[in-house]
């Protein structure tokens, strides 16, 4: 069964809507050309007053697949302004200094490369240690695996994963009861 845009937004982005996570991604497919862009614009307008941004990072025509990124602009800006993240992204080839420019570069990299660029974890709010660990270990030798592969303290990572899972379950129950997404999105 195909999920609606709104269902995917809640099921994949609940921790971001709740303010627990910087950003989230989901794929939306099989929609007529242009309709995904309209949905992204619609939800961006509805969630922007809550401090959230909704953008289309990638749109493939064949097969029709779109990657939608939902993020907290203020959280992402703080994260990308940290010297540690900035230095890491420079090593990955990012030259832009502001958040919007870095997002444009990420979108370009996603369009060019066959696989997701691994630095995308930074934009999703994964700990930098885990993003670097994944790249250096080629996805192997992790200490814990959940929403992502962790290369640090497995207990701390597991607690965070469980928090995100509880949040998603709670948001899905609210969605099933008909609570509007805007009401679930906590203000920044």
Protein backbone atom coordinates (compact mmCIF):
# COMPACT_ATOMS: atom_id res chain seq x y z
CA UNK A 1 0.00 0.00 0.00
CA UNK A 2 1.33 3.44 -0.91
CA UNK A 3 1.59 5.88 1.96
CA UNK A 4 0.54 9.48 1.57
CA UNK A 5 3.06 12.28 1.79
CA UNK A 6 1.61 13.25 5.18
CA UNK A 7 1.92 9.68 6.54
CA UNK A 8 5.55 9.49 5.43
CA UNK A 9 6.22 12.91 6.92
CA UNK A 10 5.01 11.72 10.34
CA UNK A 11 6.44 8.19 10.24
CA UNK A 12 9.93 9.27 9.13
CA UNK A 13 10.23 12.73 10.65
CA UNK A 14 8.56 12.49 14.08
CA UNK A 15 11.79 13.11 16.07
CA UNK A 16 12.45 16.21 13.93
CA UNK A 17 8.86 17.42 14.30
CA UNK A 18 9.28 16.98 18.08
CA UNK A 19 12.53 18.95 18.14
CA UNK A 20 14.61 15.93 19.21
CA UNK A 21 16.53 15.61 15.95
CA UNK A 22 17.99 18.14 13.53
CA UNK A 23 16.72 16.59 10.33
CA UNK A 24 15.06 13.61 8.70
CA UNK A 25 14.67 12.21 5.19
CA UNK A 26 12.06 10.20 3.40
CA UNK A 27 11.52 8.95 -0.12
CA UNK A 28 8.30 9.65 -1.94
CA UNK A 29 7.68 7.89 -5.22
CA UNK A 30 5.33 7.26 -8.08
CA UNK A 31 3.82 10.74 -8.01
CA UNK A 32 3.04 12.66 -11.22
CA UNK A 33 5.75 15.15 -12.25
CA UNK A 34 5.45 18.42 -10.37
CA UNK A 35 3.15 17.07 -7.67
CA UNK A 36 5.98 16.35 -5.23
CA UNK A 37 7.27 19.91 -5.61
CA UNK A 38 3.77 21.22 -4.86
CA UNK A 39 3.50 18.99 -1.77
CA UNK A 40 6.94 20.08 -0.55
CA UNK A 41 6.01 23.77 -0.97
CA UNK A 42 2.65 23.20 0.71
CA UNK A 43 4.19 21.50 3.76
CA UNK A 44 7.07 23.98 3.92
CA UNK A 45 4.55 26.84 4.19
CA UNK A 46 2.55 24.99 6.84
CA UNK A 47 5.54 24.01 9.01
CA UNK A 48 7.77 27.07 8.58
CA UNK A 49 5.98 29.00 11.37
CA UNK A 50 7.06 26.15 13.70
CA UNK A 51 10.73 26.54 12.74
CA UNK A 52 10.77 23.64 10.28
CA UNK A 53 11.80 23.60 6.64
CA UNK A 54 10.73 21.06 4.04
CA UNK A 55 12.86 20.81 0.89
CA UNK A 56 13.22 18.52 -2.09
CA UNK A 57 16.83 17.28 -2.11
CA UNK A 58 16.54 14.92 -5.05
CA UNK A 59 14.02 14.23 -7.75
CA UNK A 60 14.53 11.30 -10.11
CA UNK A 61 12.35 10.92 -13.16
CA UNK A 62 12.98 7.21 -13.84
CA UNK A 63 12.08 5.56 -11.63
CA UNK A 64 10.05 8.37 -10.09
CA UNK A 65 11.59 8.87 -6.67
CA UNK A 66 11.99 12.01 -4.63
CA UNK A 67 14.02 12.53 -1.48
CA UNK A 68 12.42 15.00 0.91
CA UNK A 69 14.43 16.60 3.73
CA UNK A 70 12.68 18.02 6.79
CA UNK A 71 14.86 19.97 9.20
CA UNK A 72 14.99 22.52 11.97
CA UNK A 73 16.79 25.45 10.38
CA UNK A 74 18.07 26.91 13.67
CA UNK A 75 19.44 23.54 14.84
CA UNK A 76 21.07 22.84 11.48
CA UNK A 77 22.65 26.29 11.35
CA UNK A 78 24.17 25.81 14.83
CA UNK A 79 25.43 22.39 13.89
CA UNK A 80 26.98 23.54 10.61
CA UNK A 81 28.58 26.54 12.30
CA UNK A 82 30.55 24.35 14.69
CA UNK A 83 34.20 24.38 13.72
CA UNK A 84 34.42 20.59 13.90
CA UNK A 85 31.54 20.06 11.44
CA UNK A 86 32.70 22.87 9.19
CA UNK A 87 36.23 21.36 8.98
CA UNK A 88 34.80 17.92 8.24
CA UNK A 89 32.52 19.24 5.50
CA UNK A 90 35.41 21.21 3.97
CA UNK A 91 37.37 17.95 3.77
CA UNK A 92 34.33 16.45 1.97
CA UNK A 93 34.49 19.27 -0.60
CA UNK A 94 31.92 21.72 0.76
CA UNK A 95 32.92 25.29 -0.01
CA UNK A 96 29.78 27.22 0.90
CA UNK A 97 29.71 28.96 4.25
CA UNK A 98 25.98 29.25 4.89
CA UNK A 99 23.32 26.61 5.53
CA UNK A 100 21.40 27.14 2.28
CA UNK A 101 24.59 26.92 0.22
CA UNK A 102 25.64 23.72 1.95
CA UNK A 103 22.19 22.23 1.31
CA UNK A 104 22.51 23.12 -2.38
CA UNK A 105 25.90 21.39 -2.47
CA UNK A 106 24.42 18.32 -0.74
CA UNK A 107 21.59 18.20 -3.31
CA UNK A 108 24.12 18.45 -6.16
CA UNK A 109 26.19 15.63 -4.68
CA UNK A 110 23.08 13.48 -4.31
CA UNK A 111 22.12 14.09 -7.94
CA UNK A 112 25.64 13.23 -9.18
CA UNK A 113 26.41 10.18 -7.04
CA UNK A 114 24.82 6.76 -7.23
CA UNK A 115 24.65 6.38 -3.44
CA UNK A 116 23.86 8.90 -0.74
CA UNK A 117 26.98 10.87 0.20
CA UNK A 118 27.92 9.66 3.67
CA UNK A 119 28.30 13.17 5.07
CA UNK A 120 24.51 13.40 4.89
CA UNK A 121 24.58 12.10 8.46
CA UNK A 122 25.76 15.53 9.60
CA UNK A 123 22.66 17.13 8.07
CA UNK A 124 20.50 14.56 9.85
CA UNK A 125 22.04 15.38 13.22
CA UNK A 126 23.99 12.17 13.65
CA UNK A 127 26.99 12.56 15.94
CA UNK A 128 30.03 13.58 13.89
CA UNK A 129 32.01 10.74 15.48
CA UNK A 130 29.53 8.27 13.98
CA UNK A 131 29.56 9.89 10.53
CA UNK A 132 33.38 9.86 10.44
CA UNK A 133 33.46 6.33 11.90
CA UNK A 134 31.12 5.06 9.21
CA UNK A 135 33.26 6.57 6.45
CA UNK A 136 36.58 5.40 7.90
CA UNK A 137 35.29 1.88 8.62
CA UNK A 138 33.25 1.58 5.41
CA UNK A 139 30.17 0.76 7.47
CA UNK A 140 31.89 -2.04 9.43
CA UNK A 141 33.14 -2.34 13.04
CA UNK A 142 30.30 -0.30 14.57
CA UNK A 143 29.53 -0.55 18.28
CA UNK A 144 25.74 -0.33 17.90
CA UNK A 145 23.22 -0.14 15.08
CA UNK A 146 19.79 1.50 15.14
CA UNK A 147 18.68 4.58 13.22
CA UNK A 148 22.32 4.75 12.08
CA UNK A 149 25.56 2.92 12.81
CA UNK A 150 27.22 4.21 15.94
CA UNK A 151 30.95 4.15 16.55
CA UNK A 152 30.86 5.57 20.07
CA UNK A 153 29.21 4.64 23.35
CA UNK A 154 26.68 1.90 22.47
CA UNK A 155 24.52 2.53 25.56
CA UNK A 156 24.14 6.24 24.80
CA UNK A 157 23.36 5.48 21.15
CA UNK A 158 20.80 2.83 22.10
CA UNK A 159 19.06 5.28 24.44
CA UNK A 160 18.82 7.83 21.65
CA UNK A 161 17.49 5.23 19.20
CA UNK A 162 14.84 4.15 21.73
CA UNK A 163 13.85 7.78 22.34
CA UNK A 164 13.34 8.28 18.60
CA UNK A 165 11.32 5.05 18.35
CA UNK A 166 9.04 6.05 21.26
CA UNK A 167 8.56 9.48 19.70
CA UNK A 168 7.65 7.98 16.33
CA UNK A 169 5.17 5.54 17.91
CA UNK A 170 3.55 8.39 19.86
CA UNK A 171 3.32 10.63 16.78
CA UNK A 172 1.84 7.80 14.69
CA UNK A 173 -0.86 7.28 17.34
CA UNK A 174 -1.63 11.02 17.30
CA UNK A 175 -1.75 10.98 13.50
CA UNK A 176 -4.15 8.00 13.56
CA UNK A 177 -6.40 9.98 15.93
CA UNK A 178 -6.52 12.82 13.39
CA UNK A 179 -4.26 15.34 15.11
CA UNK A 180 -2.91 17.71 12.43
CA UNK A 181 0.82 17.57 11.69
CA UNK A 182 1.14 21.29 12.46
CA UNK A 183 -0.06 20.66 16.01
CA UNK A 184 2.47 17.83 16.41
CA UNK A 185 5.33 20.05 15.22
CA UNK A 186 6.71 21.72 18.31
CA UNK A 187 7.78 25.35 17.83
CA UNK A 188 11.51 26.09 17.62
